[in-house]
N, C-alpha and C. Protein backbone atom coordinates (compact mmCIF):
# COMPACT_ATOMS: atom_id res chain seq x y z
N MET A 1 0.79 -1.36 0.06
CA MET A 1 -0.09 -0.27 -0.39
C MET A 1 1.09 1.10 -0.26
N HIS A 2 0.38 2.38 -0.80
CA HIS A 2 1.11 3.33 -0.80
C HIS A 2 1.58 4.23 0.49
N HIS A 3 2.21 4.72 0.67
CA HIS A 3 2.68 5.70 2.15
C HIS A 3 2.10 6.95 1.94
N LEU A 4 1.26 7.14 3.16
CA LEU A 4 0.79 8.83 3.03
C LEU A 4 1.93 9.58 3.12
N ILE A 5 1.92 10.99 3.14
CA ILE A 5 2.47 11.85 3.47
C ILE A 5 2.35 13.21 3.79
N PHE A 6 2.33 13.46 5.80
CA PHE A 6 2.21 14.92 6.11
C PHE A 6 3.03 15.67 6.66
N ILE A 7 2.22 16.82 6.02
CA ILE A 7 3.43 18.19 6.06
C ILE A 7 2.90 19.33 7.02
N PRO A 8 3.16 19.27 8.10
CA PRO A 8 2.61 19.93 9.61
C PRO A 8 2.95 21.50 8.77
N GLY A 9 1.44 22.28 8.95
CA GLY A 9 1.41 23.90 8.73
C GLY A 9 1.19 24.21 7.42
N LYS A 10 0.93 23.60 6.35
CA LYS A 10 1.36 23.62 4.93
C LYS A 10 -0.12 23.49 4.50
N PRO A 11 0.03 24.36 2.99
CA PRO A 11 -1.92 24.77 2.54
C PRO A 11 -1.78 22.88 1.90
N ASP A 12 -3.00 22.93 1.28
CA ASP A 12 -3.32 21.26 0.92
C ASP A 12 -2.53 21.80 -0.98
N LEU A 13 -1.91 22.24 -1.19
CA LEU A 13 -1.07 22.39 -2.85
C LEU A 13 0.33 21.94 -3.24
N ALA A 14 -0.06 21.17 -4.80
CA ALA A 14 1.17 21.05 -5.11
C ALA A 14 2.70 21.53 -4.13
N SER A 15 2.75 22.69 -4.09
CA SER A 15 4.03 23.43 -3.79
C SER A 15 4.52 23.07 -2.37
N SER A 16 3.30 22.81 -2.03
CA SER A 16 3.72 21.99 -0.30
C SER A 16 4.57 21.08 -0.35
N LEU A 17 4.97 20.01 -1.34
CA LEU A 17 5.58 18.68 -1.57
C LEU A 17 6.86 19.31 -2.55
N VAL A 18 6.61 20.49 -2.61
CA VAL A 18 8.59 20.81 -3.66
C VAL A 18 8.72 21.75 -2.58
N ASP A 19 8.42 22.39 -1.77
CA ASP A 19 8.35 22.74 -0.25
C ASP A 19 9.68 22.25 0.70
N VAL A 20 9.20 20.86 0.51
CA VAL A 20 9.65 19.99 1.47
C VAL A 20 10.98 18.79 0.87
N GLY A 21 11.15 19.20 -0.31
CA GLY A 21 12.42 18.70 -1.28
C GLY A 21 11.77 17.19 -1.63
N LEU A 22 10.34 16.85 -1.93
CA LEU A 22 9.45 15.63 -2.23
C LEU A 22 9.08 16.40 -3.66
N ALA A 23 9.99 17.34 -4.33
CA ALA A 23 9.15 17.75 -6.15
C ALA A 23 8.68 16.22 -6.78
N ASN A 24 9.48 15.28 -6.33
CA ASN A 24 8.86 14.10 -7.97
C ASN A 24 7.73 13.00 -6.85
N HIS A 25 7.44 13.62 -5.85
CA HIS A 25 6.24 13.29 -5.66
C HIS A 25 4.64 13.66 -6.14
N VAL A 26 4.82 14.33 -6.59
CA VAL A 26 3.76 15.28 -6.92
C VAL A 26 2.83 14.50 -7.74
N ASP A 27 3.26 13.67 -8.48
CA ASP A 27 2.44 13.33 -10.16
C ASP A 27 1.59 12.09 -9.13
N GLY A 28 0.44 12.08 -9.68
CA GLY A 28 -0.77 11.64 -9.17
C GLY A 28 -1.22 12.18 -7.75
N ALA A 29 -0.59 12.73 -6.83
CA ALA A 29 -1.27 13.04 -5.43
C ALA A 29 -2.33 14.22 -5.13
N SER A 30 -3.30 13.95 -4.01
CA SER A 30 -4.46 14.53 -3.74
C SER A 30 -3.81 15.18 -2.36
N PHE A 31 -4.35 16.19 -2.50
CA PHE A 31 -4.16 17.11 -1.09
C PHE A 31 -5.23 17.76 -0.34
N THR A 32 -5.41 17.30 1.18
CA THR A 32 -6.28 17.29 2.01
C THR A 32 -6.25 18.44 2.85
N PRO A 33 -6.47 19.32 4.09
CA PRO A 33 -6.02 19.69 5.05
C PRO A 33 -6.66 19.07 5.84
N ALA A 34 -5.87 18.79 7.17
CA ALA A 34 -5.82 17.71 8.12
C ALA A 34 -5.73 18.12 9.26
N ASP A 35 -6.72 18.12 10.52
CA ASP A 35 -6.89 18.61 11.56
C ASP A 35 -6.12 18.43 12.66
N LYS A 36 -5.36 17.19 11.93
CA LYS A 36 -4.50 16.75 13.27
C LYS A 36 -3.55 15.58 12.41
N GLY A 37 -2.34 15.29 12.88
CA GLY A 37 -1.18 15.01 12.39
C GLY A 37 -0.29 13.84 13.55
N PRO A 38 0.62 13.49 13.01
CA PRO A 38 1.37 13.83 14.10
C PRO A 38 2.02 14.49 14.72
N ASP A 39 2.73 14.75 16.51
CA ASP A 39 2.84 15.59 17.00
C ASP A 39 1.09 16.44 17.44
N ASP A 40 0.52 15.85 16.90
CA ASP A 40 -1.02 16.60 17.26
C ASP A 40 -0.89 17.95 16.66
N GLN A 41 -0.46 18.17 15.09
CA GLN A 41 -0.17 19.45 14.28
C GLN A 41 -1.76 19.45 13.41
N ARG A 42 -2.17 20.50 12.82
CA ARG A 42 -2.67 20.87 11.62
C ARG A 42 -1.84 21.01 10.42
N GLY A 43 -2.30 20.49 9.61
CA GLY A 43 -1.02 20.69 8.27
C GLY A 43 -1.83 20.17 7.12
N CYS A 44 -1.50 19.24 6.15
CA CYS A 44 -1.77 18.77 5.65
C CYS A 44 -1.49 17.63 4.50
N MET A 45 -2.01 16.23 4.35
CA MET A 45 -1.87 14.95 4.16
C MET A 45 -2.48 14.96 2.37
N VAL A 46 -1.56 14.20 1.79
CA VAL A 46 -0.36 13.98 0.83
C VAL A 46 -1.12 12.77 0.70
N SER A 47 -2.38 12.24 -0.53
CA SER A 47 -2.00 10.85 -0.52
C SER A 47 -2.41 10.16 -1.95
N TRP A 48 -2.51 9.04 -2.32
CA TRP A 48 -2.44 8.80 -3.81
C TRP A 48 -3.63 7.84 -3.78
N ARG A 49 -3.78 7.45 -5.15
CA ARG A 49 -4.76 6.62 -5.66
C ARG A 49 -5.33 5.04 -4.48
N GLY A 50 -6.25 4.88 -3.69
CA GLY A 50 -6.51 3.57 -3.04
C GLY A 50 -6.29 4.19 -1.84
N VAL A 51 -5.46 5.46 -1.40
CA VAL A 51 -5.51 4.97 0.10
C VAL A 51 -5.85 6.72 0.38
N GLN A 52 -6.34 6.64 1.99
CA GLN A 52 -6.92 7.48 2.26
C GLN A 52 -6.37 8.38 3.10
N PRO A 53 -6.74 9.78 2.70
CA PRO A 53 -5.76 10.53 3.81
C PRO A 53 -6.59 10.84 5.38
N VAL A 54 -6.19 9.16 5.72
CA VAL A 54 -6.55 9.33 6.89
C VAL A 54 -5.68 9.32 8.42
N TYR A 55 -5.51 10.33 9.46
CA TYR A 55 -4.56 10.26 10.25
C TYR A 55 -4.85 8.87 11.42
N ASP A 56 -4.30 7.80 11.16
CA ASP A 56 -4.85 6.58 12.50
C ASP A 56 -3.87 6.28 12.62
N PRO A 57 -2.92 6.42 13.95
CA PRO A 57 -1.92 6.06 14.54
C PRO A 57 -1.90 4.91 15.24
N ALA A 58 -3.13 4.21 15.74
CA ALA A 58 -3.42 2.91 15.74
C ALA A 58 -3.08 2.32 14.58
N GLU A 59 -3.31 2.52 13.49
CA GLU A 59 -3.07 1.21 12.40
C GLU A 59 -2.18 1.43 11.50
N GLN A 60 -1.48 2.78 11.76
CA GLN A 60 0.01 3.19 10.52
C GLN A 60 1.03 4.05 11.41
N GLU A 61 2.04 3.51 11.35
CA GLU A 61 3.36 3.98 11.88
C GLU A 61 3.97 4.87 10.57
N TRP A 62 4.10 6.32 11.72
CA TRP A 62 4.64 8.01 11.07
C TRP A 62 6.42 7.77 11.21
N ILE A 63 6.91 8.53 10.08
CA ILE A 63 8.33 8.35 9.97
C ILE A 63 8.42 9.78 9.97
N PRO A 64 9.77 9.97 10.88
CA PRO A 64 9.85 11.64 10.70
C PRO A 64 11.12 12.08 9.76
N ALA A 65 10.70 12.88 9.10
CA ALA A 65 12.22 13.32 7.80
C ALA A 65 13.72 13.52 8.33
N VAL A 66 14.32 13.17 8.10
CA VAL A 66 15.19 14.02 8.89
C VAL A 66 16.15 14.94 8.40
N PRO A 67 16.91 15.88 8.77
CA PRO A 67 18.07 16.57 8.20
C PRO A 67 18.59 16.18 6.79
N TRP A 68 18.09 17.21 5.87
CA TRP A 68 18.95 16.74 4.56
C TRP A 68 19.08 17.65 3.47
N GLY A 69 20.53 18.07 3.16
CA GLY A 69 20.33 19.13 2.22
C GLY A 69 19.71 20.55 2.33
N GLY A 70 20.07 20.79 3.70
CA GLY A 70 20.04 22.53 4.04
C GLY A 70 18.28 21.95 4.55
N TYR A 71 17.67 20.95 4.32
CA TYR A 71 15.93 21.11 5.45
C TYR A 71 15.99 19.98 6.41
N GLU A 72 15.10 21.23 7.56
CA GLU A 72 15.31 20.42 8.51
C GLU A 72 14.91 19.39 8.74
N ALA A 73 14.47 18.99 10.39
CA ALA A 73 14.39 17.49 10.71
C ALA A 73 12.50 17.78 10.53
N LYS A 74 11.82 17.05 10.48
CA LYS A 74 10.20 16.93 10.45
C LYS A 74 9.33 17.94 9.99
N ARG A 75 10.20 18.04 8.74
CA ARG A 75 9.23 19.02 7.48
C ARG A 75 8.07 18.25 6.72
N TYR A 76 8.07 17.02 6.82
CA TYR A 76 6.80 16.12 6.70
C TYR A 76 7.08 14.58 7.64
N TRP A 77 6.17 13.86 7.52
CA TRP A 77 5.97 12.56 8.18
C TRP A 77 5.90 11.33 7.42
N ILE A 78 6.42 10.27 7.81
CA ILE A 78 5.52 9.14 6.22
C ILE A 78 5.28 8.48 7.08
N GLY A 79 3.60 8.10 6.53
CA GLY A 79 2.88 7.45 7.10
C GLY A 79 2.57 5.64 6.61
N ILE A 80 2.51 5.15 7.02
CA ILE A 80 2.46 2.96 6.55
C ILE A 80 1.70 2.69 6.98
N ASP A 81 0.80 1.89 6.26
CA ASP A 81 0.10 0.72 7.45
C ASP A 81 0.87 -0.20 7.78
N ARG A 82 0.38 -0.36 9.21
CA ARG A 82 1.00 -1.69 9.95
C ARG A 82 1.64 -2.68 9.08
N GLU A 83 0.21 -3.54 8.46
CA GLU A 83 0.09 -4.57 8.28
C GLU A 83 0.62 -4.63 6.78
N LYS A 84 0.40 -3.62 6.12
CA LYS A 84 0.70 -4.27 4.52
C LYS A 84 1.56 -2.70 4.28
N PRO A 85 2.91 -2.71 4.35
CA PRO A 85 3.73 -1.45 4.42
C PRO A 85 4.12 -1.25 2.45
N PRO A 86 4.31 -0.41 2.30
CA PRO A 86 4.75 -0.37 0.42
C PRO A 86 5.48 -1.14 0.03
N GLU A 87 5.52 -2.05 -1.01
CA GLU A 87 5.56 -2.62 -2.73
C GLU A 87 6.17 -1.59 -3.73
N PRO A 88 6.95 -2.29 -4.07
CA PRO A 88 7.52 -1.72 -5.16
C PRO A 88 6.52 -1.22 -6.17
N ARG A 89 5.39 -2.25 -6.47
CA ARG A 89 4.51 -1.96 -7.55
C ARG A 89 3.62 -0.38 -7.06
N ASP A 90 3.66 -0.38 -5.66
CA ASP A 90 2.66 0.56 -5.02
C ASP A 90 3.30 1.72 -4.98
N LEU A 91 4.18 1.46 -5.33
CA LEU A 91 5.26 3.11 -5.28
C LEU A 91 5.31 3.61 -6.69
N LEU A 92 5.00 3.10 -7.49
CA LEU A 92 5.60 3.15 -8.85
C LEU A 92 5.19 4.27 -9.56
N ARG A 93 5.75 5.40 -9.96
CA ARG A 93 5.85 6.77 -10.44
C ARG A 93 4.54 6.34 -11.74
N ALA A 94 4.24 7.64 -12.30
CA ALA A 94 3.13 7.33 -13.28
C ALA A 94 4.03 7.27 -14.73
N SER A 95 5.19 7.56 -14.96
CA SER A 95 5.59 7.21 -15.78
C SER A 95 7.27 7.24 -15.83
N PRO A 96 7.49 5.80 -15.54
CA PRO A 96 8.95 5.15 -14.85
C PRO A 96 9.80 5.24 -16.07
N ILE A 97 10.90 4.84 -15.56
CA ILE A 97 12.20 4.48 -17.05
C ILE A 97 12.29 3.18 -16.88
N HIS A 98 11.80 2.36 -18.29
CA HIS A 98 12.64 0.82 -17.93
C HIS A 98 14.27 0.83 -17.37
N GLY A 99 14.49 -0.71 -16.87
CA GLY A 99 15.71 -0.44 -16.31
C GLY A 99 16.43 -1.60 -15.93
N ALA A 100 16.66 -1.63 -15.19
CA ALA A 100 17.32 -2.87 -14.88
C ALA A 100 16.71 -3.21 -13.28
N ALA A 101 16.11 -4.43 -13.00
CA ALA A 101 15.30 -4.82 -11.48
C ALA A 101 16.35 -5.63 -11.22
N VAL A 102 16.62 -5.23 -10.10
CA VAL A 102 17.68 -5.39 -8.83
C VAL A 102 17.28 -5.81 -7.68
N ARG A 103 17.79 -7.16 -6.95
CA ARG A 103 16.88 -7.18 -5.58
C ARG A 103 17.63 -7.18 -4.48
N PHE A 104 16.67 -6.34 -4.24
CA PHE A 104 17.58 -5.61 -2.81
C PHE A 104 17.65 -6.30 -1.24
N ALA A 105 17.75 -5.63 -0.17
CA ALA A 105 18.15 -6.14 0.87
C ALA A 105 16.68 -6.80 1.24
N ASP A 106 15.46 -5.72 1.41
CA ASP A 106 14.10 -6.38 1.64
C ASP A 106 13.71 -7.37 0.59
N GLY A 107 14.60 -8.03 -0.11
CA GLY A 107 13.75 -9.23 -1.25
C GLY A 107 13.28 -8.77 -2.37
N GLU A 108 13.11 -7.48 -2.65
CA GLU A 108 11.84 -7.37 -3.64
C GLU A 108 12.83 -6.56 -4.73
N TYR A 109 12.42 -6.38 -6.00
CA TYR A 109 12.83 -6.65 -6.87
C TYR A 109 12.92 -5.35 -7.13
N TRP A 110 13.39 -3.56 -7.48
CA TRP A 110 13.38 -2.61 -7.83
C TRP A 110 14.46 -2.29 -8.60
N THR A 111 13.14 -1.00 -10.20
CA THR A 111 14.03 -1.53 -11.42
C THR A 111 15.14 0.04 -11.08
N LEU A 112 16.15 0.33 -11.64
CA LEU A 112 17.05 1.04 -11.94
C LEU A 112 17.17 1.44 -13.05
N PRO A 113 16.89 3.09 -13.77
CA PRO A 113 17.32 3.25 -14.41
C PRO A 113 18.77 3.61 -14.66
N PRO A 114 19.43 2.38 -16.06
CA PRO A 114 20.81 2.68 -16.54
C PRO A 114 20.98 3.92 -17.12
N VAL A 115 22.30 4.62 -16.92
CA VAL A 115 22.45 6.09 -17.92
C VAL A 115 22.44 5.87 -18.84
N GLN A 116 22.80 4.02 -19.38
CA GLN A 116 22.76 4.46 -21.38
C GLN A 116 21.23 4.68 -21.72
N GLN A 117 20.21 4.80 -21.09
CA GLN A 117 18.48 4.62 -21.52
C GLN A 117 17.90 5.87 -20.58
N LEU A 118 18.93 6.73 -20.55
CA LEU A 118 17.99 7.89 -20.09
C LEU A 118 16.97 8.72 -21.14
N PRO A 119 16.05 9.24 -20.88
CA PRO A 119 15.32 10.03 -21.65
C PRO A 119 16.53 11.00 -22.86
N THR A 120 16.15 11.44 -24.01
CA THR A 120 16.94 12.34 -24.44
C THR A 120 16.34 13.22 -25.17
N GLN A 121 17.00 14.08 -25.50
CA GLN A 121 15.99 15.20 -26.55
C GLN A 121 16.92 15.44 -27.92
N ILE A 122 16.43 15.45 -28.83
CA ILE A 122 17.53 15.87 -30.42
C ILE A 122 17.50 17.69 -30.17
N VAL A 123 18.96 17.85 -30.19
CA VAL A 123 19.02 19.22 -30.50
C VAL A 123 20.52 18.89 -31.26
N LEU A 124 20.44 20.35 -31.70
CA LEU A 124 21.36 20.62 -32.74
C LEU A 124 23.07 21.25 -31.95
N ASP A 125 24.25 20.25 -32.88
CA ASP A 125 24.94 20.63 -32.08
C ASP A 125 25.55 21.85 -32.74
N ASP A 126 27.29 21.82 -32.17
CA ASP A 126 27.75 23.52 -33.22
C ASP A 126 27.93 23.15 -34.16
N SER A 127 27.96 22.31 -34.72
CA SER A 127 28.22 22.16 -36.41
C SER A 127 27.90 22.22 -36.79
N GLY A 128 25.81 21.91 -36.76
CA GLY A 128 25.08 21.68 -37.36
C GLY A 128 24.18 20.03 -37.68
N LYS A 129 24.86 19.44 -36.57
CA LYS A 129 24.39 18.38 -36.45
C LYS A 129 23.38 17.73 -35.55
N TYR A 130 22.50 17.09 -36.17
CA TYR A 130 21.34 17.15 -34.97
C TYR A 130 22.36 15.47 -33.94
N VAL A 131 22.13 15.76 -32.65
CA VAL A 131 22.09 14.42 -31.87
C VAL A 131 21.52 14.74 -30.64
N GLY A 132 21.67 13.29 -29.85
CA GLY A 132 20.81 13.18 -28.74
C GLY A 132 21.03 14.30 -27.30
N GLN A 133 20.79 14.05 -26.39
CA GLN A 133 21.61 15.26 -25.49
C GLN A 133 20.45 14.13 -24.25
N ILE A 134 20.92 14.36 -23.50
CA ILE A 134 19.81 13.67 -21.63
C ILE A 134 19.50 14.53 -21.67
N LYS A 135 18.15 14.34 -21.43
CA LYS A 135 17.31 15.39 -20.83
C LYS A 135 17.30 16.13 -19.33
N GLN A 136 17.29 17.29 -19.00
CA GLN A 136 18.01 18.49 -18.05
C GLN A 136 17.86 17.77 -17.02
N GLU A 137 16.42 17.03 -16.50
CA GLU A 137 16.00 16.73 -15.55
C GLU A 137 16.81 15.64 -15.41
N PHE A 138 17.72 14.83 -15.97
CA PHE A 138 18.59 13.59 -15.71
C PHE A 138 19.93 14.28 -15.72
N GLN A 139 19.75 14.74 -16.07
CA GLN A 139 21.79 15.23 -16.34
C GLN A 139 22.50 15.42 -15.05
N HIS A 140 22.21 15.72 -13.96
CA HIS A 140 22.15 15.58 -13.01
C HIS A 140 22.85 14.36 -12.28
N TYR A 141 21.61 13.44 -12.50
CA TYR A 141 22.23 12.07 -12.20
C TYR A 141 22.77 11.49 -13.28
N TYR A 142 22.85 11.63 -14.45
CA TYR A 142 24.19 11.01 -15.25
C TYR A 142 25.39 11.57 -14.82
N VAL A 143 25.93 12.80 -14.64
CA VAL A 143 27.00 13.47 -13.67
C VAL A 143 27.49 12.72 -12.93
N GLU A 144 26.65 12.01 -11.68
CA GLU A 144 26.85 12.07 -10.04
C GLU A 144 27.06 10.09 -10.86
N VAL A 145 27.34 9.59 -11.55
CA VAL A 145 26.95 8.12 -12.08
C VAL A 145 28.54 8.56 -12.62
N MET A 146 28.81 9.17 -13.35
CA MET A 146 29.94 8.88 -14.47
C MET A 146 31.05 9.56 -13.23
N ARG A 147 30.83 10.29 -12.37
CA ARG A 147 31.99 10.57 -11.52
C ARG A 147 32.00 9.49 -10.37
N GLN A 148 31.16 8.65 -10.33
CA GLN A 148 31.50 7.44 -9.10
C GLN A 148 32.16 6.02 -10.05
N ILE A 149 31.94 6.32 -11.08
CA ILE A 149 32.84 5.18 -12.25
C ILE A 149 34.52 5.73 -12.92
N ALA A 150 34.30 7.26 -12.33
CA ALA A 150 35.86 7.26 -13.08
C ALA A 150 36.84 7.25 -11.48
N LYS A 151 35.81 7.20 -10.06
CA LYS A 151 36.92 6.92 -8.77
C LYS A 151 36.66 5.15 -8.51
N ILE A 152 35.95 4.52 -9.59
CA ILE A 152 36.31 3.37 -9.34
C ILE A 152 37.63 2.89 -10.17
N GLY A 153 38.13 3.56 -11.30
CA GLY A 153 38.60 3.11 -12.40
C GLY A 153 38.52 1.55 -13.39
N ASP A 154 39.25 1.56 -14.04
CA ASP A 154 38.90 0.36 -15.01
C ASP A 154 38.84 -0.54 -14.51
N ASP A 155 39.76 -1.14 -13.44
CA ASP A 155 39.65 -2.33 -12.91
C ASP A 155 38.82 -2.80 -12.08
N LEU A 156 37.85 -1.80 -12.30
CA LEU A 156 37.11 -1.76 -10.99
C LEU A 156 37.00 -2.69 -9.45
N THR A 157 38.11 -2.00 -9.18
CA THR A 157 38.59 -2.11 -7.41
C THR A 157 38.63 -1.44 -6.56
N GLY A 158 38.35 0.30 -7.54
CA GLY A 158 37.94 1.52 -6.50
C GLY A 158 37.23 0.88 -5.22
N GLU A 159 37.13 2.28 -4.75
CA GLU A 159 36.62 2.07 -2.98
C GLU A 159 35.37 2.92 -3.31
N PHE A 160 34.04 2.59 -2.81
CA PHE A 160 33.22 3.32 -2.94
C PHE A 160 33.02 4.20 -1.38
N LEU A 161 32.04 5.61 -1.83
CA LEU A 161 32.47 6.39 -0.21
C LEU A 161 30.88 6.04 0.01
N LEU A 162 30.01 5.54 0.99
CA LEU A 162 28.85 4.51 1.30
C LEU A 162 28.09 5.98 1.06
N ASP A 163 27.93 7.07 1.54
CA ASP A 163 26.95 8.03 1.50
C ASP A 163 26.85 8.14 -0.31
N ASP A 164 27.71 8.76 -1.20
CA ASP A 164 28.20 8.84 -2.58
C ASP A 164 27.13 7.92 -3.42
N LEU A 165 27.66 6.54 -2.82
CA LEU A 165 27.15 5.33 -3.54
C LEU A 165 25.42 5.16 -3.46
N ILE A 166 24.93 6.09 -2.46
CA ILE A 166 23.61 5.58 -1.44
C ILE A 166 23.04 6.87 -1.96
N ALA A 167 23.39 7.78 -2.35
CA ALA A 167 22.96 9.03 -2.81
C ALA A 167 22.68 9.14 -4.41
N VAL A 168 23.20 8.10 -5.09
CA VAL A 168 23.34 7.83 -6.25
C VAL A 168 21.87 7.07 -7.11
N ILE A 169 22.13 6.30 -5.97
CA ILE A 169 21.08 5.27 -6.07
C ILE A 169 19.83 5.30 -5.77
N GLN A 170 20.00 6.22 -4.76
CA GLN A 170 18.84 7.36 -4.40
C GLN A 170 17.69 7.77 -5.56
N MET A 171 18.91 8.09 -5.49
CA MET A 171 18.19 9.36 -6.89
C MET A 171 17.90 8.22 -8.64
N GLY A 172 18.55 7.31 -8.39
CA GLY A 172 18.15 6.10 -9.64
C GLY A 172 16.39 6.06 -8.90
N LEU A 173 16.11 5.68 -8.05
CA LEU A 173 14.97 5.06 -7.52
C LEU A 173 13.93 6.02 -7.73
N SER A 174 14.09 7.55 -7.37
CA SER A 174 13.14 8.40 -6.98
C SER A 174 12.71 8.47 -9.09
N PHE A 175 13.41 7.85 -9.55
CA PHE A 175 12.87 8.23 -11.22
C PHE A 175 11.56 7.27 -11.30
N ASN A 176 11.95 6.21 -10.75
CA ASN A 176 10.56 5.27 -10.78
C ASN A 176 9.52 4.90 -9.75
N TYR A 177 10.00 5.94 -8.79
CA TYR A 177 9.13 5.13 -7.30
C TYR A 177 9.26 6.93 -6.61
N HIS A 178 7.67 6.89 -5.53
CA HIS A 178 7.97 8.02 -4.80
C HIS A 178 8.48 7.53 -3.48
N LEU A 179 9.71 7.52 -3.14
CA LEU A 179 10.51 6.71 -2.23
C LEU A 179 11.41 7.70 -1.62
N PRO A 180 11.00 8.36 -0.39
CA PRO A 180 11.62 9.36 0.18
C PRO A 180 12.83 8.45 0.62
N ARG A 181 13.72 9.07 1.18
CA ARG A 181 15.03 8.34 1.49
C ARG A 181 14.98 7.65 3.10
N GLU A 182 13.84 8.38 3.74
CA GLU A 182 13.38 7.91 5.32
C GLU A 182 12.68 6.38 4.86
N LEU A 183 11.85 6.26 3.82
CA LEU A 183 11.11 5.03 3.40
C LEU A 183 12.15 4.24 3.09
N THR A 184 12.91 4.50 1.94
CA THR A 184 14.04 3.71 1.71
C THR A 184 14.84 2.73 3.37
N ALA A 185 15.19 3.33 3.80
CA ALA A 185 15.86 2.86 5.17
C ALA A 185 14.61 2.12 5.91
N ARG A 186 13.24 2.84 6.07
CA ARG A 186 12.51 2.12 7.14
C ARG A 186 12.38 0.71 6.22
N LEU A 187 12.25 0.26 4.94
CA LEU A 187 12.03 -0.94 4.50
C LEU A 187 13.01 -1.88 3.99
N GLY A 188 14.09 -1.05 4.55
CA GLY A 188 15.39 -2.31 4.77
C GLY A 188 15.79 -2.72 3.37
N LEU A 189 15.90 -1.20 2.48
CA LEU A 189 16.74 -2.08 1.20
C LEU A 189 18.09 -1.98 0.87
N LEU A 190 18.66 -1.03 2.39
CA LEU A 190 20.29 -0.74 2.22
C LEU A 190 21.08 -2.26 2.56
N GLY A 191 21.59 -2.47 1.49
CA GLY A 191 22.55 -3.64 2.80
C GLY A 191 23.79 -3.47 1.57
N SER A 192 25.00 -3.51 1.90
CA SER A 192 26.58 -3.58 1.09
C SER A 192 26.49 -4.15 -0.14
N ASP A 193 26.18 -5.30 -0.27
CA ASP A 193 26.04 -6.75 -1.32
C ASP A 193 25.04 -5.67 -2.60
N GLU A 194 23.99 -5.38 -2.18
CA GLU A 194 22.68 -5.04 -3.14
C GLU A 194 23.35 -3.47 -3.70
N LEU A 195 23.74 -2.82 -3.15
CA LEU A 195 24.44 -1.33 -3.08
C LEU A 195 24.62 -1.50 -4.61
N GLN A 196 26.09 -2.35 -4.37
CA GLN A 196 26.96 -2.34 -5.36
C GLN A 196 26.17 -3.04 -6.08
N GLU A 197 25.90 -3.88 -6.37
CA GLU A 197 24.99 -4.61 -7.57
C GLU A 197 23.94 -3.46 -8.12
N ALA A 198 23.51 -2.52 -7.34
CA ALA A 198 22.39 -1.31 -7.61
C ALA A 198 22.94 -0.81 -8.82
N PHE A 199 24.48 -0.18 -8.14
CA PHE A 199 25.38 0.54 -9.11
C PHE A 199 26.38 0.23 -10.15
N PHE A 200 26.01 -1.36 -10.26
CA PHE A 200 26.95 -1.73 -11.23
C PHE A 200 25.99 -2.02 -12.50
N ALA A 201 24.47 -1.91 -12.33
CA ALA A 201 23.51 -1.84 -13.02
C ALA A 201 22.77 -0.77 -13.95
N ILE A 202 23.18 -0.10 -13.13
CA ILE A 202 22.66 1.51 -13.36
C ILE A 202 23.87 2.17 -14.02
N CYS A 203 24.79 1.42 -13.93
CA CYS A 203 26.49 1.58 -14.60
C CYS A 203 25.85 1.01 -16.13
N GLY A 204 25.96 0.10 -16.10
CA GLY A 204 25.77 -1.06 -17.42
C GLY A 204 27.45 -1.60 -17.24
N LEU A 205 27.81 -2.07 -15.77
CA LEU A 205 28.83 -2.55 -15.96
C LEU A 205 28.70 -3.75 -15.76
N GLN A 206 29.75 -5.02 -16.08
CA GLN A 206 29.57 -6.74 -14.85
C GLN A 206 31.08 -6.36 -13.46
N ARG A 207 30.30 -7.17 -12.85
CA ARG A 207 31.31 -7.52 -11.60
C ARG A 207 32.39 -8.71 -12.20
N LYS A 208 33.69 -8.44 -11.91
CA LYS A 208 34.11 -9.63 -11.74
C LYS A 208 34.69 -10.22 -10.61
């Protein structure tokens, strides 16, 4: 079942998600004023098809946002059904990118977009030739993946920095799923072996 998002003190507008760093959650979202949420606060309840925008702590677990990228803690809360936690098919975005299915530490298969399959647009280069260019919204992802590949080296024996590796994989997952960082951790997706498998999948590389 898809999770809920509660945003304290925010109006029922799509910009509420953008303001708290969840711009990739806007597609398919509905917004409902909430008189009560976690910490007994008023705010906005964000829901998706098939999930009622109801605060019910007896049936739900609520996970507070952690500080990240200049955003403060508890800027939103993630609500999941205690009996039916989200699965990949529940969180799939409206227009996912086809790619490599990787089994993560939760035992589920999640699809990551390889850099070779990122959507492109056709542009004219300086010589007047038509060429494919990765769309703007995917360029940061591409650059970060290439940066990590450069660190590894040709023999694929380079050291991964855990934070960098997780950031790239989380970014890849966010193109296909409504999956905040806190929910990634709560669902138990992250394991060292799975992280490396996921990274090699999005790079289109084979492990030796």
